[in-house]
Protein backbone atom coordinates (compact mmCIF):
# COMPACT_ATOMS: atom_id res chain seq x y z
CA UNK A 1 0.00 0.00 0.00
CA UNK A 2 1.56 3.31 -1.08
CA UNK A 3 1.54 6.50 0.96
CA UNK A 4 -0.11 9.40 -0.82
CA UNK A 5 1.77 12.73 -0.76
CA UNK A 6 -1.36 14.50 0.53
CA UNK A 7 -1.43 12.13 3.50
CA UNK A 8 2.14 13.02 4.44
CA UNK A 9 1.38 16.73 4.02
CA UNK A 10 -1.65 16.42 6.31
CA UNK A 11 0.39 14.63 8.94
CA UNK A 12 3.08 17.28 8.61
CA UNK A 13 0.50 20.02 9.17
CA UNK A 14 -0.84 18.23 12.25
CA UNK A 15 2.73 18.03 13.53
CA UNK A 16 3.37 21.77 13.18
CA UNK A 17 0.07 22.87 14.78
CA UNK A 18 0.08 20.33 17.63
CA UNK A 19 0.11 21.75 21.18
CA UNK A 20 2.82 19.14 21.84
CA UNK A 21 5.23 20.90 19.45
CA UNK A 22 8.12 21.93 21.74
CA UNK A 23 8.37 25.63 20.89
CA UNK A 24 6.75 27.10 24.02
CA UNK A 25 3.59 28.59 22.48
CA UNK A 26 1.67 27.64 25.64
CA UNK A 27 3.57 30.34 27.55
CA UNK A 28 1.98 33.26 25.66
CA UNK A 29 -1.56 34.68 25.84
CA UNK A 30 -1.19 37.55 23.30
CA UNK A 31 -2.76 40.06 25.67
CA UNK A 32 -5.71 37.84 26.58
CA UNK A 33 -4.61 37.42 30.20
CA UNK A 34 -4.62 41.19 30.59
CA UNK A 35 -8.12 41.37 29.06
CA UNK A 36 -9.25 39.00 31.82
CA UNK A 37 -7.59 41.11 34.52
CA UNK A 38 -9.13 44.32 33.16
CA UNK A 39 -12.61 42.80 33.04
CA UNK A 40 -12.93 43.16 29.28
CA UNK A 41 -13.39 39.40 28.86
CA UNK A 42 -15.33 37.70 31.64
CA UNK A 43 -17.23 34.72 30.23
CA UNK A 44 -17.80 32.49 27.23
CA UNK A 45 -19.80 35.05 25.26
CA UNK A 46 -17.36 37.93 25.71
CA UNK A 47 -14.42 35.64 24.96
CA UNK A 48 -16.08 34.64 21.70
CA UNK A 49 -16.57 38.30 20.82
CA UNK A 50 -12.92 39.07 21.63
CA UNK A 51 -11.62 36.19 19.54
CA UNK A 52 -13.84 37.07 16.59
CA UNK A 53 -12.54 40.63 16.72
CA UNK A 54 -8.89 39.58 16.86
CA UNK A 55 -9.44 37.14 14.01
CA UNK A 56 -11.26 39.65 11.80
CA UNK A 57 -9.11 42.73 12.42
CA UNK A 58 -5.83 40.98 13.22
CA UNK A 59 -5.02 37.59 11.73
CA UNK A 60 -7.14 38.15 8.62
CA UNK A 61 -5.24 41.32 7.72
CA UNK A 62 -1.80 40.52 9.10
CA UNK A 63 -0.50 37.03 9.87
CA UNK A 64 -2.62 35.06 7.41
CA UNK A 65 -2.02 37.13 4.25
CA UNK A 66 1.65 37.51 5.19
CA UNK A 67 1.89 33.75 5.63
CA UNK A 68 0.45 33.29 2.13
CA UNK A 69 3.05 35.65 0.68
CA UNK A 70 5.88 34.01 2.60
CA UNK A 71 4.73 30.59 1.42
CA UNK A 72 4.88 31.85 -2.18
CA UNK A 73 8.30 33.40 -1.58
CA UNK A 74 9.67 30.10 -0.26
CA UNK A 75 8.20 28.29 -3.27
CA UNK A 76 9.94 30.76 -5.58
CA UNK A 77 13.19 30.81 -3.61
CA UNK A 78 12.81 34.60 -3.33
CA UNK A 79 15.06 35.67 -0.44
CA UNK A 80 14.30 39.36 -0.96
CA UNK A 81 10.55 38.84 -0.54
CA UNK A 82 11.15 36.66 2.51
CA UNK A 83 13.15 39.40 4.22
CA UNK A 84 10.62 42.07 3.22
CA UNK A 85 7.60 40.26 4.66
CA UNK A 86 9.47 39.15 7.75
CA UNK A 87 10.37 42.80 8.43
CA UNK A 88 6.79 43.88 7.69
CA UNK A 89 5.47 41.48 10.32
CA UNK A 90 8.04 42.66 12.86
CA UNK A 91 7.01 46.28 12.24
CA UNK A 92 3.39 45.40 13.03
CA UNK A 93 4.17 44.09 16.55
CA UNK A 94 2.89 46.98 18.65
CA UNK A 95 4.36 46.07 22.04
CA UNK A 96 7.60 44.67 23.41
CA UNK A 97 5.78 41.53 24.55
CA UNK A 98 4.25 40.80 21.15
CA UNK A 99 7.57 41.40 19.41
CA UNK A 100 9.37 39.14 21.89
CA UNK A 101 6.76 36.40 21.45
CA UNK A 102 7.17 36.39 17.67
CA UNK A 103 10.97 36.35 17.92
CA UNK A 104 11.12 33.63 20.57
CA UNK A 105 8.66 31.32 18.83
CA UNK A 106 10.53 31.86 15.58
CA UNK A 107 13.84 31.01 17.23
CA UNK A 108 12.36 27.94 18.93
CA UNK A 109 10.86 26.60 15.71
CA UNK A 110 14.15 27.27 13.90
CA UNK A 111 16.05 25.25 16.50
CA UNK A 112 13.54 22.42 16.21
CA UNK A 113 13.82 22.37 12.42
CA UNK A 114 17.58 22.34 12.75
CA UNK A 115 17.46 19.34 15.05
CA UNK A 116 15.32 17.56 12.43
CA UNK A 117 17.67 18.56 9.60
CA UNK A 118 14.86 20.51 7.97
CA UNK A 119 16.32 24.02 7.67
CA UNK A 120 16.25 25.51 4.14
CA UNK A 121 19.98 25.37 3.55
CA UNK A 122 20.04 21.75 4.70
CA UNK A 123 17.39 20.83 2.12
CA UNK A 124 18.87 22.57 -0.92
CA UNK A 125 21.95 24.63 -1.64
CA UNK A 126 19.83 26.81 -3.94
CA UNK A 127 17.24 27.63 -1.26
CA UNK A 128 17.68 30.98 0.54
CA UNK A 129 18.46 30.83 4.23
CA UNK A 130 16.00 32.00 6.84
CA UNK A 131 16.23 35.77 7.38
CA UNK A 132 18.37 36.61 10.40
CA UNK A 133 16.20 36.48 13.52
CA UNK A 134 13.20 35.32 11.47
CA UNK A 135 9.85 35.59 13.21
CA UNK A 136 7.45 32.74 13.82
CA UNK A 137 5.25 33.27 10.75
CA UNK A 138 8.25 33.27 8.42
CA UNK A 139 9.61 30.05 9.91
CA UNK A 140 6.15 28.46 9.92
CA UNK A 141 5.84 29.25 6.22
CA UNK A 142 9.05 27.34 5.55
CA UNK A 143 7.91 24.46 7.81
CA UNK A 144 4.75 24.21 5.70
CA UNK A 145 6.74 24.36 2.47
CA UNK A 146 9.19 21.64 3.50
CA UNK A 147 6.30 19.31 4.41
CA UNK A 148 4.57 19.92 1.07
CA UNK A 149 1.60 21.68 2.68
CA UNK A 150 -0.33 23.84 0.22
CA UNK A 151 -0.98 27.46 1.07
CA UNK A 152 -4.67 27.18 2.00
CA UNK A 153 -4.31 24.33 4.51
CA UNK A 154 -1.21 26.08 5.89
CA UNK A 155 -3.32 29.16 6.65
CA UNK A 156 -6.14 27.07 8.11
CA UNK A 157 -3.67 25.21 10.31
CA UNK A 158 -2.05 28.43 11.52
CA UNK A 159 -5.45 29.92 12.37
CA UNK A 160 -6.51 26.72 14.14
CA UNK A 161 -3.32 26.69 16.26
CA UNK A 162 -4.00 30.31 17.26
CA UNK A 163 -7.57 29.51 18.29
CA UNK A 164 -6.59 26.39 20.20
CA UNK A 165 -3.90 28.27 22.10
CA UNK A 166 -6.25 31.12 23.00
CA UNK A 167 -8.84 28.69 24.33
CA UNK A 168 -6.15 26.89 26.34
CA UNK A 169 -5.24 30.25 27.90
CA UNK A 170 -8.87 30.84 28.82
CA UNK A 171 -9.24 27.38 30.34
CA UNK A 172 -6.29 28.13 32.61
CA UNK A 173 -6.88 31.77 33.49
CA UNK A 174 -10.54 32.81 33.03
CA UNK A 175 -11.46 30.04 33.95
CA UNK A 176 -13.33 28.51 31.02
CA UNK A 177 -14.65 24.96 31.11
CA UNK A 178 -13.58 22.54 28.40
CA UNK A 179 -17.14 22.08 27.16
CA UNK A 180 -17.50 25.84 26.81
CA UNK A 181 -14.24 25.88 24.88
CA UNK A 182 -15.67 23.34 22.46
CA UNK A 183 -18.79 25.47 22.00
CA UNK A 184 -16.49 28.33 21.02
CA UNK A 185 -14.73 26.05 18.56
CA UNK A 186 -18.11 25.36 16.95
CA UNK A 187 -18.87 29.08 16.90
CA UNK A 188 -15.54 30.08 15.37
CA UNK A 189 -14.80 27.30 12.89
CA UNK A 190 -16.76 29.01 10.08
CA UNK A 191 -15.02 32.28 10.95
CA UNK A 192 -11.61 30.64 10.49
CA UNK A 193 -12.60 29.52 6.99
CA UNK A 194 -13.94 32.98 6.14
CA UNK A 195 -10.74 34.57 7.48
CA UNK A 196 -8.60 32.40 5.22
CA UNK A 197 -10.82 33.18 2.22
CA UNK A 198 -10.47 36.90 2.83
CA UNK A 199 -6.76 36.75 3.60
CA UNK A 200 -6.05 35.01 0.31
CA UNK A 201 -7.99 37.68 -1.61
CA UNK A 202 -6.58 40.83 0.00
CA UNK A 203 -4.17 42.99 -2.03
CA UNK A 204 -0.99 44.27 -0.41
CA UNK A 205 -2.32 47.79 0.11
CA UNK A 206 -5.19 46.55 2.30
CA UNK A 207 -3.01 44.67 4.77
CA UNK A 208 -2.33 45.73 8.35
CA UNK A 209 -3.96 44.91 11.70
CA UNK A 210 -6.30 47.30 13.54
CA UNK A 211 -6.30 46.05 17.14
CA UNK A 212 -5.95 48.99 19.55
CA UNK A 213 -7.61 47.06 22.37
CA UNK A 214 -5.24 44.13 22.07
CA UNK A 215 -2.25 46.47 21.86
CA UNK A 216 -3.36 48.25 25.03
CA UNK A 217 -4.00 44.96 26.83
CA UNK A 218 -0.56 43.71 25.82
CA UNK A 219 1.14 46.91 26.97
CA UNK A 220 -0.63 46.80 30.34
CA UNK A 221 0.31 43.15 30.73
CA UNK A 222 3.99 44.14 30.85
CA UNK A 223 3.43 45.60 34.34
CA UNK A 224 0.58 43.35 35.50
CA UNK A 225 1.29 42.29 39.08
CA UNK A 226 0.23 38.65 38.93
CA UNK A 227 0.30 36.67 35.71
CA UNK A 228 0.64 33.15 34.32
CA UNK A 229 1.76 34.00 30.78
CA UNK A 230 4.64 35.89 29.15
CA UNK A 231 2.37 38.05 26.98
């Protein structure tokens, strides 16, 4: 019985978005812990509203379309485009915590890929190297490319990993019950698909997040007295 390439790609995607991936994503809340402390998010309904807002005005216009462009740049071996979009993402991190999260997750995933002999230069002498200090989205784009994951499932997987991590944060810190978390999964699954559809259609001049509340929450988290997460 032969193994279909799509099967291996699917398993590769599941590997990269698994909570068991040892890159430390569980340590970051992306400002959500501060939203709990400030009373902006207090229950299942308000958490769903918060997540829908971050997805619509954040991931849809920032990480997801940038991931699509980085995936294309890796496919074309375009080092200049890789550096440009990596820098663009870094410029859109509005607080020290969010910038540190992106850099640390990128470095952790780079180390993991190196230990698996999956870095670009290890796969092909003609492939550009990762940009120096590459952020998480840039490294994730390469991880998808090296596993043969097409752009659309790569975006869906990235969005799913974000949602799963945010719900894990809520289960630890809100607190949110696991059944409530699954209700939010049901509520947001169609929104993830719609976000990917929109992200793939957006032109360059319409990109850029608009999340003042999240930026404020993240900035306040830097001096929050008691906290479980690093962002």
